[in-house]
């Protein structure tokens, strides 16, 4: 399962605006708040997904219960959470002096990592389909003999 989390930049900007200055009169950079939020969101969302999966009804049938437990474990083991900021990437690419990005690199936006994950997912799916097609062809060859 892959989850893209948006609006993290909005949350970071709002937190930065509402933050009182430190004793020395400075505030953390928005990009620092953004990075902290990304690290906080990942385990929080993993916990929420685990809780929601745990709410799936139990069963008196041990086989059904074991299958559900295995499905939950599989989902949680493969869970990818990608906090991203498309608006910040856009600002970086446009490079407009009047509307500067607070993130400094494309990697900080999270989008290159999301793109890589999606490409890897697509390659795995293609390979799985290719394998299943080959398996069916082998069965059909043996059945035709």
N, C-alpha and C. Protein backbone atom coordinates (compact mmCIF):
# COMPACT_ATOMS: atom_id res chain seq x y z
N UNK A 1 0.85 -1.16 0.00
CA UNK A 1 0.00 0.00 0.00
C UNK A 1 0.90 1.23 0.00
N UNK A 2 0.54 2.22 -0.78
CA UNK A 2 1.30 3.44 -0.91
C UNK A 2 0.36 4.61 -0.63
N UNK A 3 0.77 5.50 0.25
CA UNK A 3 -0.05 6.66 0.60
C UNK A 3 0.78 7.92 0.36
N UNK A 4 0.24 8.86 -0.40
CA UNK A 4 0.86 10.17 -0.59
C UNK A 4 0.13 11.16 0.32
N UNK A 5 0.90 11.87 1.14
CA UNK A 5 0.33 12.83 2.07
C UNK A 5 0.60 14.23 1.52
N UNK A 6 -0.46 14.96 1.27
CA UNK A 6 -0.34 16.31 0.73
C UNK A 6 -0.64 17.34 1.82
N UNK A 7 -0.46 18.59 1.48
CA UNK A 7 -0.75 19.72 2.36
C UNK A 7 0.21 19.84 3.55
N UNK A 8 1.29 19.06 3.57
CA UNK A 8 2.26 19.17 4.65
C UNK A 8 2.89 20.56 4.62
N UNK A 9 3.07 21.10 3.41
CA UNK A 9 3.62 22.46 3.28
C UNK A 9 2.69 23.49 3.91
N UNK A 10 1.38 23.31 3.74
CA UNK A 10 0.42 24.23 4.36
C UNK A 10 0.48 24.15 5.88
N UNK A 11 0.56 22.93 6.40
CA UNK A 11 0.65 22.74 7.85
C UNK A 11 1.94 23.37 8.37
N UNK A 12 3.04 23.18 7.66
CA UNK A 12 4.33 23.76 8.08
C UNK A 12 4.26 25.28 8.07
N UNK A 13 3.67 25.84 7.01
CA UNK A 13 3.55 27.30 6.93
C UNK A 13 2.68 27.86 8.04
N UNK A 14 1.58 27.20 8.33
CA UNK A 14 0.68 27.65 9.39
C UNK A 14 1.36 27.55 10.75
N UNK A 15 2.06 26.44 11.00
CA UNK A 15 2.77 26.28 12.27
C UNK A 15 3.85 27.36 12.41
N UNK A 16 4.55 27.65 11.33
CA UNK A 16 5.59 28.68 11.35
C UNK A 16 5.00 30.05 11.67
N UNK A 17 3.86 30.38 11.03
CA UNK A 17 3.21 31.68 11.27
C UNK A 17 2.75 31.82 12.72
N UNK A 18 2.27 30.74 13.31
CA UNK A 18 1.74 30.77 14.67
C UNK A 18 2.81 30.60 15.75
N UNK A 19 4.03 30.32 15.34
CA UNK A 19 5.10 30.05 16.30
C UNK A 19 5.65 31.35 16.87
N UNK A 20 5.78 31.36 18.19
CA UNK A 20 6.40 32.52 18.85
C UNK A 20 7.91 32.44 18.64
N UNK A 21 8.54 33.59 18.49
CA UNK A 21 10.00 33.58 18.34
C UNK A 21 10.69 33.02 19.59
N UNK A 22 11.87 32.45 19.37
CA UNK A 22 12.68 31.96 20.48
C UNK A 22 13.18 33.16 21.29
N UNK A 23 13.89 32.86 22.36
CA UNK A 23 14.42 33.94 23.21
C UNK A 23 15.35 34.87 22.44
N UNK A 24 16.05 34.32 21.44
CA UNK A 24 16.97 35.15 20.66
C UNK A 24 16.26 35.90 19.52
N UNK A 25 14.93 35.75 19.44
CA UNK A 25 14.14 36.46 18.44
C UNK A 25 14.01 35.75 17.11
N UNK A 26 14.59 34.58 16.98
CA UNK A 26 14.51 33.83 15.71
C UNK A 26 13.44 32.76 15.77
N UNK A 27 13.07 32.30 14.60
CA UNK A 27 12.16 31.17 14.46
C UNK A 27 12.87 30.09 13.65
N UNK A 28 12.45 28.83 13.81
CA UNK A 28 13.02 27.82 12.91
C UNK A 28 12.60 28.11 11.48
N UNK A 29 13.35 27.63 10.54
CA UNK A 29 13.01 27.79 9.12
C UNK A 29 11.78 26.92 8.81
N UNK A 30 10.99 27.38 7.84
CA UNK A 30 9.82 26.59 7.43
C UNK A 30 10.25 25.20 6.98
N UNK A 31 11.37 25.11 6.27
CA UNK A 31 11.84 23.80 5.79
C UNK A 31 12.19 22.87 6.95
N UNK A 32 12.64 23.44 8.08
CA UNK A 32 12.92 22.63 9.26
C UNK A 32 11.62 22.08 9.85
N UNK A 33 10.61 22.93 9.89
CA UNK A 33 9.30 22.49 10.38
C UNK A 33 8.73 21.43 9.46
N UNK A 34 8.84 21.65 8.14
CA UNK A 34 8.37 20.70 7.14
C UNK A 34 9.05 19.34 7.35
N UNK A 35 10.38 19.34 7.53
CA UNK A 35 11.13 18.10 7.73
C UNK A 35 10.68 17.39 9.01
N UNK A 36 10.45 18.15 10.06
CA UNK A 36 9.99 17.55 11.32
C UNK A 36 8.61 16.94 11.15
N UNK A 37 7.73 17.67 10.46
CA UNK A 37 6.37 17.16 10.25
C UNK A 37 6.38 15.87 9.44
N UNK A 38 7.24 15.81 8.43
CA UNK A 38 7.34 14.59 7.63
C UNK A 38 7.70 13.40 8.52
N UNK A 39 8.68 13.60 9.38
CA UNK A 39 9.10 12.51 10.27
C UNK A 39 8.02 12.16 11.28
N UNK A 40 7.21 13.13 11.70
CA UNK A 40 6.12 12.86 12.64
C UNK A 40 4.94 12.17 11.96
N UNK A 41 4.66 12.55 10.71
CA UNK A 41 3.51 12.00 10.00
C UNK A 41 3.65 10.51 9.73
N UNK A 42 4.84 10.08 9.37
CA UNK A 42 5.03 8.69 8.96
C UNK A 42 4.62 7.71 10.06
N UNK A 43 5.19 7.78 11.27
CA UNK A 43 4.77 6.81 12.29
C UNK A 43 3.33 7.01 12.73
N UNK A 44 2.86 8.26 12.73
CA UNK A 44 1.47 8.51 13.12
C UNK A 44 0.51 7.85 12.14
N UNK A 45 0.80 7.98 10.86
CA UNK A 45 -0.08 7.37 9.85
C UNK A 45 0.02 5.86 9.87
N UNK A 46 1.22 5.33 10.10
CA UNK A 46 1.37 3.87 10.22
C UNK A 46 0.53 3.35 11.37
N UNK A 47 0.56 4.07 12.47
CA UNK A 47 -0.24 3.68 13.64
C UNK A 47 -1.73 3.74 13.32
N UNK A 48 -2.16 4.79 12.63
CA UNK A 48 -3.58 4.92 12.28
C UNK A 48 -4.02 3.81 11.33
N UNK A 49 -3.20 3.47 10.36
CA UNK A 49 -3.53 2.39 9.43
C UNK A 49 -3.61 1.07 10.19
N UNK A 50 -2.63 0.83 11.08
CA UNK A 50 -2.64 -0.41 11.87
C UNK A 50 -3.91 -0.48 12.72
N UNK A 51 -4.31 0.64 13.30
CA UNK A 51 -5.52 0.67 14.12
C UNK A 51 -6.76 0.39 13.28
N UNK A 52 -6.84 1.00 12.11
CA UNK A 52 -7.99 0.77 11.23
C UNK A 52 -8.05 -0.68 10.77
N UNK A 53 -6.89 -1.25 10.43
CA UNK A 53 -6.86 -2.65 10.01
C UNK A 53 -7.25 -3.57 11.17
N UNK A 54 -6.90 -3.17 12.38
CA UNK A 54 -7.28 -3.94 13.55
C UNK A 54 -8.77 -3.91 13.83
N UNK A 55 -9.45 -2.90 13.30
CA UNK A 55 -10.89 -2.77 13.49
C UNK A 55 -11.70 -3.68 12.57
N UNK A 56 -11.03 -4.30 11.61
CA UNK A 56 -11.74 -5.23 10.73
C UNK A 56 -12.22 -6.39 11.59
N UNK A 57 -13.47 -6.69 11.47
CA UNK A 57 -14.12 -7.66 12.35
C UNK A 57 -13.39 -8.97 12.51
N UNK A 58 -13.47 -9.48 13.71
CA UNK A 58 -12.90 -10.79 14.01
C UNK A 58 -13.78 -11.90 13.45
N UNK A 59 -13.29 -13.11 13.60
CA UNK A 59 -14.04 -14.25 13.10
C UNK A 59 -13.84 -15.41 14.06
N UNK A 60 -14.88 -16.23 14.18
CA UNK A 60 -14.77 -17.44 14.99
C UNK A 60 -13.98 -18.52 14.24
N UNK A 61 -13.91 -18.38 12.92
CA UNK A 61 -13.19 -19.34 12.09
C UNK A 61 -11.69 -19.03 12.16
N UNK A 62 -10.91 -19.99 12.64
CA UNK A 62 -9.47 -19.76 12.80
C UNK A 62 -8.78 -19.49 11.47
N UNK A 63 -9.19 -20.16 10.41
CA UNK A 63 -8.58 -19.96 9.09
C UNK A 63 -8.84 -18.55 8.59
N UNK A 64 -10.06 -18.09 8.75
CA UNK A 64 -10.42 -16.72 8.32
C UNK A 64 -9.63 -15.71 9.15
N UNK A 65 -9.57 -15.94 10.46
CA UNK A 65 -8.85 -15.03 11.34
C UNK A 65 -7.35 -14.99 10.98
N UNK A 66 -6.77 -16.15 10.71
CA UNK A 66 -5.36 -16.22 10.33
C UNK A 66 -5.11 -15.51 9.00
N UNK A 67 -6.04 -15.67 8.04
CA UNK A 67 -5.90 -15.01 6.75
C UNK A 67 -5.98 -13.49 6.91
N UNK A 68 -6.90 -13.03 7.75
CA UNK A 68 -7.02 -11.59 7.99
C UNK A 68 -5.76 -11.04 8.66
N UNK A 69 -5.24 -11.79 9.60
CA UNK A 69 -4.03 -11.36 10.30
C UNK A 69 -2.86 -11.29 9.33
N UNK A 70 -2.76 -12.28 8.44
CA UNK A 70 -1.69 -12.28 7.44
C UNK A 70 -1.85 -11.10 6.49
N UNK A 71 -3.08 -10.80 6.10
CA UNK A 71 -3.34 -9.66 5.21
C UNK A 71 -2.94 -8.36 5.89
N UNK A 72 -3.31 -8.19 7.16
CA UNK A 72 -2.94 -6.98 7.91
C UNK A 72 -1.42 -6.83 7.95
N UNK A 73 -0.75 -7.94 8.28
CA UNK A 73 0.71 -7.91 8.37
C UNK A 73 1.33 -7.56 7.02
N UNK A 74 0.82 -8.14 5.97
CA UNK A 74 1.34 -7.88 4.63
C UNK A 74 1.17 -6.41 4.26
N UNK A 75 0.00 -5.86 4.55
CA UNK A 75 -0.25 -4.45 4.25
C UNK A 75 0.70 -3.57 5.04
N UNK A 76 0.84 -3.82 6.32
CA UNK A 76 1.70 -2.99 7.16
C UNK A 76 3.17 -3.14 6.78
N UNK A 77 3.59 -4.33 6.39
CA UNK A 77 4.98 -4.55 6.00
C UNK A 77 5.33 -3.81 4.69
N UNK A 78 4.37 -3.70 3.80
CA UNK A 78 4.63 -3.06 2.51
C UNK A 78 4.19 -1.60 2.48
N UNK A 79 3.65 -1.10 3.58
CA UNK A 79 3.12 0.27 3.62
C UNK A 79 4.22 1.30 3.37
N UNK A 80 3.97 2.18 2.43
CA UNK A 80 4.88 3.29 2.13
C UNK A 80 4.08 4.58 2.30
N UNK A 81 4.64 5.49 3.08
CA UNK A 81 4.00 6.78 3.30
C UNK A 81 4.92 7.86 2.75
N UNK A 82 4.39 8.67 1.84
CA UNK A 82 5.18 9.69 1.16
C UNK A 82 4.57 11.07 1.36
N UNK A 83 5.04 11.81 2.37
CA UNK A 83 4.61 13.22 2.48
C UNK A 83 5.27 14.01 1.35
N UNK A 84 4.49 14.79 0.64
CA UNK A 84 5.01 15.50 -0.53
C UNK A 84 4.50 16.95 -0.56
N UNK A 85 5.20 17.77 -1.36
CA UNK A 85 4.76 19.13 -1.59
C UNK A 85 4.91 19.47 -3.07
N UNK A 86 3.84 19.32 -3.81
CA UNK A 86 3.84 19.69 -5.22
C UNK A 86 3.96 21.20 -5.41
N UNK A 87 3.29 22.02 -4.57
CA UNK A 87 3.45 23.48 -4.75
C UNK A 87 4.90 23.94 -4.57
N UNK A 88 5.61 23.34 -3.63
CA UNK A 88 7.01 23.74 -3.43
C UNK A 88 7.87 23.28 -4.61
N UNK A 89 7.60 22.10 -5.15
CA UNK A 89 8.34 21.66 -6.33
C UNK A 89 8.09 22.62 -7.50
N UNK A 90 6.85 23.00 -7.67
CA UNK A 90 6.50 23.95 -8.75
C UNK A 90 7.28 25.25 -8.58
N UNK A 91 7.32 25.77 -7.36
CA UNK A 91 8.06 27.01 -7.10
C UNK A 91 9.54 26.84 -7.40
N UNK A 92 10.10 25.70 -7.02
CA UNK A 92 11.51 25.45 -7.31
C UNK A 92 11.77 25.43 -8.82
N UNK A 93 10.87 24.79 -9.56
CA UNK A 93 11.07 24.67 -11.01
C UNK A 93 10.89 26.01 -11.72
N UNK A 94 9.93 26.80 -11.26
CA UNK A 94 9.68 28.11 -11.89
C UNK A 94 10.77 29.10 -11.52
N UNK A 95 11.25 29.03 -10.27
CA UNK A 95 12.33 29.89 -9.80
C UNK A 95 11.99 31.38 -9.96
N UNK A 96 10.82 31.78 -9.47
CA UNK A 96 10.34 33.15 -9.54
C UNK A 96 10.79 33.92 -8.30
N UNK A 97 11.49 35.03 -8.50
CA UNK A 97 11.96 35.84 -7.37
C UNK A 97 10.82 36.34 -6.50
N UNK A 98 9.64 36.50 -7.06
CA UNK A 98 8.49 37.02 -6.31
C UNK A 98 7.76 35.94 -5.50
N UNK A 99 8.03 34.68 -5.81
CA UNK A 99 7.33 33.59 -5.12
C UNK A 99 8.32 32.45 -4.89
N UNK A 100 9.21 32.64 -3.94
CA UNK A 100 10.27 31.67 -3.65
C UNK A 100 9.75 30.47 -2.87
N UNK A 101 10.33 29.32 -3.16
CA UNK A 101 10.03 28.10 -2.41
C UNK A 101 10.78 28.17 -1.07
N UNK A 102 10.18 27.61 -0.02
CA UNK A 102 10.91 27.54 1.24
C UNK A 102 11.76 26.27 1.31
N UNK A 103 11.45 25.29 0.47
CA UNK A 103 12.30 24.11 0.36
C UNK A 103 13.42 24.43 -0.63
N UNK A 104 14.59 23.88 -0.42
CA UNK A 104 15.74 24.26 -1.24
C UNK A 104 16.04 23.30 -2.38
N UNK A 105 15.58 22.05 -2.26
CA UNK A 105 15.89 21.07 -3.31
C UNK A 105 14.62 20.29 -3.68
N UNK A 106 14.65 19.72 -4.87
CA UNK A 106 13.53 18.88 -5.31
C UNK A 106 13.36 17.68 -4.38
N UNK A 107 14.46 17.11 -3.91
CA UNK A 107 14.38 15.95 -3.01
C UNK A 107 13.61 16.28 -1.73
N UNK A 108 13.76 17.50 -1.23
CA UNK A 108 13.06 17.88 0.00
C UNK A 108 11.54 17.88 -0.18
N UNK A 109 11.05 17.99 -1.41
CA UNK A 109 9.61 17.99 -1.66
C UNK A 109 8.99 16.60 -1.52
N UNK A 110 9.84 15.57 -1.54
CA UNK A 110 9.35 14.20 -1.42
C UNK A 110 8.86 13.60 -2.73
N UNK A 111 8.72 14.41 -3.74
CA UNK A 111 8.17 13.91 -5.00
C UNK A 111 9.11 12.99 -5.78
N UNK A 112 10.42 13.23 -5.81
CA UNK A 112 11.28 12.26 -6.50
C UNK A 112 11.22 10.86 -5.87
N UNK A 113 11.15 10.79 -4.55
CA UNK A 113 11.05 9.49 -3.88
C UNK A 113 9.71 8.82 -4.19
N UNK A 114 8.63 9.59 -4.20
CA UNK A 114 7.32 9.05 -4.58
C UNK A 114 7.36 8.54 -6.02
N UNK A 115 7.96 9.31 -6.91
CA UNK A 115 8.08 8.90 -8.31
C UNK A 115 8.85 7.58 -8.42
N UNK A 116 9.97 7.47 -7.71
CA UNK A 116 10.75 6.22 -7.73
C UNK A 116 9.92 5.04 -7.22
N UNK A 117 9.17 5.26 -6.14
CA UNK A 117 8.34 4.18 -5.58
C UNK A 117 7.27 3.75 -6.56
N UNK A 118 6.65 4.70 -7.23
CA UNK A 118 5.62 4.36 -8.21
C UNK A 118 6.21 3.61 -9.40
N UNK A 119 7.39 4.02 -9.84
CA UNK A 119 8.04 3.31 -10.95
C UNK A 119 8.40 1.88 -10.53
N UNK A 120 8.92 1.71 -9.32
CA UNK A 120 9.26 0.37 -8.83
C UNK A 120 8.01 -0.49 -8.69
N UNK A 121 6.93 0.10 -8.21
CA UNK A 121 5.66 -0.62 -8.09
C UNK A 121 5.18 -1.07 -9.46
N UNK A 122 5.26 -0.19 -10.44
CA UNK A 122 4.83 -0.53 -11.80
C UNK A 122 5.68 -1.67 -12.37
N UNK A 123 6.99 -1.61 -12.13
CA UNK A 123 7.87 -2.69 -12.64
C UNK A 123 7.54 -4.01 -11.96
N UNK A 124 7.30 -3.99 -10.65
CA UNK A 124 6.95 -5.24 -9.94
C UNK A 124 5.63 -5.79 -10.46
N UNK A 125 4.66 -4.94 -10.68
CA UNK A 125 3.36 -5.38 -11.20
C UNK A 125 3.49 -5.98 -12.59
N UNK A 126 4.27 -5.33 -13.44
CA UNK A 126 4.50 -5.87 -14.80
C UNK A 126 5.15 -7.24 -14.72
N UNK A 127 6.15 -7.38 -13.86
CA UNK A 127 6.84 -8.67 -13.72
C UNK A 127 5.90 -9.74 -13.17
N UNK A 128 5.08 -9.39 -12.19
CA UNK A 128 4.10 -10.35 -11.65
C UNK A 128 3.12 -10.80 -12.72
N UNK A 129 2.65 -9.88 -13.54
CA UNK A 129 1.72 -10.24 -14.62
C UNK A 129 2.41 -11.12 -15.65
N UNK A 130 3.64 -10.76 -15.98
CA UNK A 130 4.39 -11.56 -16.94
C UNK A 130 4.56 -12.99 -16.42
N UNK A 131 4.88 -13.12 -15.14
CA UNK A 131 5.05 -14.45 -14.52
C UNK A 131 3.74 -15.21 -14.55
N UNK A 132 2.64 -14.57 -14.21
CA UNK A 132 1.33 -15.26 -14.22
C UNK A 132 0.94 -15.69 -15.63
N UNK A 133 1.21 -14.86 -16.61
CA UNK A 133 0.91 -15.22 -18.01
C UNK A 133 1.75 -16.43 -18.42
N UNK A 134 3.02 -16.41 -18.06
CA UNK A 134 3.89 -17.56 -18.38
C UNK A 134 3.40 -18.82 -17.69
N UNK A 135 2.97 -18.72 -16.44
CA UNK A 135 2.45 -19.89 -15.71
C UNK A 135 1.21 -20.46 -16.42
N UNK A 136 0.33 -19.59 -16.86
CA UNK A 136 -0.88 -20.05 -17.56
C UNK A 136 -0.50 -20.70 -18.89
N UNK A 137 0.46 -20.12 -19.58
CA UNK A 137 0.87 -20.70 -20.86
C UNK A 137 1.46 -22.09 -20.67
N UNK A 138 2.22 -22.29 -19.60
CA UNK A 138 2.80 -23.60 -19.31
C UNK A 138 1.69 -24.62 -19.02
N UNK A 139 0.70 -24.22 -18.24
CA UNK A 139 -0.43 -25.11 -17.94
C UNK A 139 -1.17 -25.46 -19.22
N UNK A 140 -1.42 -24.47 -20.06
CA UNK A 140 -2.15 -24.71 -21.32
C UNK A 140 -1.35 -25.63 -22.24
N UNK A 141 -0.03 -25.48 -22.29
CA UNK A 141 0.80 -26.36 -23.12
C UNK A 141 0.67 -27.81 -22.65
N UNK A 142 0.75 -28.00 -21.33
CA UNK A 142 0.66 -29.36 -20.77
C UNK A 142 -0.74 -29.95 -20.97
N UNK A 143 -1.74 -29.11 -20.91
CA UNK A 143 -3.11 -29.58 -21.09
C UNK A 143 -3.37 -29.97 -22.54
N UNK A 144 -2.69 -29.31 -23.46
CA UNK A 144 -2.88 -29.58 -24.89
C UNK A 144 -2.19 -30.88 -25.33
N UNK A 145 -1.26 -31.36 -24.55
CA UNK A 145 -0.54 -32.59 -24.92
C UNK A 145 -1.36 -33.83 -24.75
